[in-house]
Amino acid sequence: MTSKQRSYLKGLAMKIEPIFQIGKGRISPELTEAVSEALEARELIKLSVLNNCLEEPKELASVLADRTHSEIVQVIGKKIVLYRESKTKKKLELPKA
């Protein structure tokens, strides 16, 4: 992903609300599956890390990106933004590299 594409996605992510919260339960297989399904449906999602979570948001983002085959757009504070191009419902058109 180029910096131009990342910047474009960051701008879009500012307008969306987090659809998942990660707490002390950490990353379960169920959460991973739900995130993967949401990425397929929306392509760009935001997650919130709760204060009771003991792990760093950057570590959680890395694990989720690996498990869902997505890309980390950004991690700011306790917010994580992930992107994965949908195989069936392509919604976002990224700028050319």
C-alpha atoms as a PDB file:
ATOM      1  CA  MET A   1       0.000   0.000   0.000  1.00  0.00           C
ATOM      2  CA  THR A   2       1.420   3.369  -0.973  1.00  0.00           C
ATOM      3  CA  SER A   3       1.479   6.391   1.323  1.00  0.00           C
ATOM      4  CA  LYS A   4      -1.076   8.098  -0.948  1.00  0.00           C
ATOM      5  CA  GLN A   5      -3.471   5.158  -0.563  1.00  0.00           C
ATOM      6  CA  ARG A   6      -2.877   5.008   3.199  1.00  0.00           C
ATOM      7  CA  SER A   7      -3.572   8.733   3.493  1.00  0.00           C
ATOM      8  CA  TYR A   8      -6.813   8.328   1.526  1.00  0.00           C
ATOM      9  CA  LEU A   9      -7.956   5.502   3.811  1.00  0.00           C
ATOM     10  CA  LYS A  10      -7.054   7.488   6.946  1.00  0.00           C
ATOM     11  CA  GLY A  11      -9.307  10.278   5.723  1.00  0.00           C
ATOM     12  CA  LEU A  12     -12.186   7.858   5.221  1.00  0.00           C
ATOM     13  CA  ALA A  13     -11.560   6.228   8.614  1.00  0.00           C
ATOM     14  CA  MET A  14     -11.957   9.544  10.436  1.00  0.00           C
ATOM     15  CA  LYS A  15     -15.655   9.518   9.590  1.00  0.00           C
ATOM     16  CA  ILE A  16     -16.464   5.969  10.736  1.00  0.00           C
ATOM     17  CA  GLU A  17     -17.208   4.684  14.224  1.00  0.00           C
ATOM     18  CA  PRO A  18     -15.510   1.635  15.771  1.00  0.00           C
ATOM     19  CA  ILE A  19     -17.567  -1.511  15.190  1.00  0.00           C
ATOM     20  CA  PHE A  20     -15.587  -3.800  17.521  1.00  0.00           C
ATOM     21  CA  GLN A  21     -14.103  -3.458  20.986  1.00  0.00           C
ATOM     22  CA  ILE A  22     -11.177  -5.478  22.268  1.00  0.00           C
ATOM     23  CA  GLY A  23     -11.120  -5.916  26.035  1.00  0.00           C
ATOM     24  CA  LYS A  24      -9.509  -8.243  28.522  1.00  0.00           C
ATOM     25  CA  GLY A  25     -10.821 -11.203  26.515  1.00  0.00           C
ATOM     26  CA  ARG A  26      -8.130 -10.327  23.954  1.00  0.00           C
ATOM     27  CA  ILE A  27      -8.342 -11.715  20.436  1.00  0.00           C
ATOM     28  CA  SER A  28     -10.519 -14.808  20.307  1.00  0.00           C
ATOM     29  CA  PRO A  29     -11.142 -16.945  17.210  1.00  0.00           C
ATOM     30  CA  GLU A  30     -14.707 -15.593  17.211  1.00  0.00           C
ATOM     31  CA  LEU A  31     -13.479 -11.981  17.138  1.00  0.00           C
ATOM     32  CA  THR A  32     -11.040 -12.809  14.349  1.00  0.00           C
ATOM     33  CA  GLU A  33     -13.841 -14.384  12.299  1.00  0.00           C
ATOM     34  CA  ALA A  34     -16.166 -11.435  12.921  1.00  0.00           C
ATOM     35  CA  VAL A  35     -13.458  -8.943  11.907  1.00  0.00           C
ATOM     36  CA  SER A  36     -12.769 -10.946   8.748  1.00  0.00           C
ATOM     37  CA  GLU A  37     -16.477 -10.943   7.830  1.00  0.00           C
ATOM     38  CA  ALA A  38     -16.723  -7.193   8.497  1.00  0.00           C
ATOM     39  CA  LEU A  39     -13.680  -6.555   6.291  1.00  0.00           C
ATOM     40  CA  GLU A  40     -15.302  -8.554   3.481  1.00  0.00           C
ATOM     41  CA  ALA A  41     -18.505  -6.519   3.811  1.00  0.00           C
ATOM     42  CA  ARG A  42     -17.015  -3.043   4.424  1.00  0.00           C
ATOM     43  CA  GLU A  43     -13.330  -3.212   3.398  1.00  0.00           C
ATOM     44  CA  LEU A  44     -12.370  -0.521   5.949  1.00  0.00           C
ATOM     45  CA  ILE A  45     -13.128  -0.962   9.657  1.00  0.00           C
ATOM     46  CA  LYS A  46     -12.207   0.677  12.925  1.00  0.00           C
ATOM     47  CA  LEU A  47     -11.728  -1.125  16.241  1.00  0.00           C
ATOM     48  CA  SER A  48     -11.447   0.263  19.739  1.00  0.00           C
ATOM     49  CA  VAL A  49      -9.154  -1.166  22.431  1.00  0.00           C
ATOM     50  CA  LEU A  50     -10.663  -0.852  25.903  1.00  0.00           C
ATOM     51  CA  ASN A  51      -8.671   0.347  28.916  1.00  0.00           C
ATOM     52  CA  ASN A  52      -8.903  -3.072  30.600  1.00  0.00           C
ATOM     53  CA  CYS A  53      -6.964  -4.714  27.757  1.00  0.00           C
ATOM     54  CA  LEU A  54      -3.418  -5.521  28.873  1.00  0.00           C
ATOM     55  CA  GLU A  55      -1.847  -5.669  25.405  1.00  0.00           C
ATOM     56  CA  GLU A  56      -0.626  -2.773  23.288  1.00  0.00           C
ATOM     57  CA  PRO A  57      -2.915  -1.682  20.433  1.00  0.00           C
ATOM     58  CA  LYS A  58      -0.045  -1.974  17.909  1.00  0.00           C
ATOM     59  CA  GLU A  59       0.521  -5.611  18.877  1.00  0.00           C
ATOM     60  CA  LEU A  60      -3.200  -6.361  18.637  1.00  0.00           C
ATOM     61  CA  ALA A  61      -3.381  -4.666  15.229  1.00  0.00           C
ATOM     62  CA  SER A  62      -0.464  -6.731  13.972  1.00  0.00           C
ATOM     63  CA  VAL A  63      -2.007 -10.010  15.152  1.00  0.00           C
ATOM     64  CA  LEU A  64      -5.420  -9.157  13.690  1.00  0.00           C
ATOM     65  CA  ALA A  65      -3.902  -8.082  10.376  1.00  0.00           C
ATOM     66  CA  ASP A  66      -1.985 -11.374  10.145  1.00  0.00           C
ATOM     67  CA  ARG A  67      -5.008 -13.503  11.006  1.00  0.00           C
ATOM     68  CA  THR A  68      -7.414 -11.672   8.679  1.00  0.00           C
ATOM     69  CA  HIS A  69      -4.913 -11.085   5.845  1.00  0.00           C
ATOM     70  CA  SER A  70      -5.592  -7.342   6.024  1.00  0.00           C
ATOM     71  CA  GLU A  71      -3.416  -4.246   6.183  1.00  0.00           C
ATOM     72  CA  ILE A  72      -3.009  -1.863   9.095  1.00  0.00           C
ATOM     73  CA  VAL A  73      -3.982   1.611   7.964  1.00  0.00           C
ATOM     74  CA  GLN A  74      -3.205   3.251  11.294  1.00  0.00           C
ATOM     75  CA  VAL A  75      -3.088   2.813  15.045  1.00  0.00           C
ATOM     76  CA  ILE A  76      -3.737   5.985  16.999  1.00  0.00           C
ATOM     77  CA  GLY A  77      -4.062   5.743  20.748  1.00  0.00           C
ATOM     78  CA  LYS A  78      -6.569   2.976  21.372  1.00  0.00           C
ATOM     79  CA  LYS A  79      -8.057   2.957  17.855  1.00  0.00           C
ATOM     80  CA  ILE A  80      -7.078   0.499  15.118  1.00  0.00           C
ATOM     81  CA  VAL A  81      -8.009   0.878  11.448  1.00  0.00           C
ATOM     82  CA  LEU A  82      -7.751  -2.141   9.118  1.00  0.00           C
ATOM     83  CA  TYR A  83      -8.288  -2.460   5.366  1.00  0.00           C
ATOM     84  CA  ARG A  84      -8.739  -5.464   3.109  1.00  0.00           C
ATOM     85  CA  GLU A  85     -10.045  -5.387  -0.437  1.00  0.00           C
ATOM     86  CA  SER A  86     -13.295  -7.318  -0.709  1.00  0.00           C
ATOM     87  CA  LYS A  87     -13.408 -10.267  -3.064  1.00  0.00           C
ATOM     88  CA  THR A  88     -17.123  -9.863  -3.821  1.00  0.00           C
ATOM     89  CA  LYS A  89     -18.345  -6.424  -2.706  1.00  0.00           C
ATOM     90  CA  LYS A  90     -15.697  -3.958  -3.807  1.00  0.00           C
ATOM     91  CA  LYS A  91     -16.721  -0.577  -2.380  1.00  0.00           C
ATOM     92  CA  LEU A  92     -13.573   1.534  -2.168  1.00  0.00           C
ATOM     93  CA  GLU A  93     -11.486   2.631  -5.110  1.00  0.00           C
ATOM     94  CA  LEU A  94      -7.952   3.358  -3.956  1.00  0.00           C
ATOM     95  CA  PRO A  95      -5.925   6.062  -5.700  1.00  0.00           C
ATOM     96  CA  LYS A  96      -3.406   4.745  -8.212  1.00  0.00           C
ATOM     97  CA  ALA A  97       0.148   4.265  -6.961  1.00  0.00           C
END
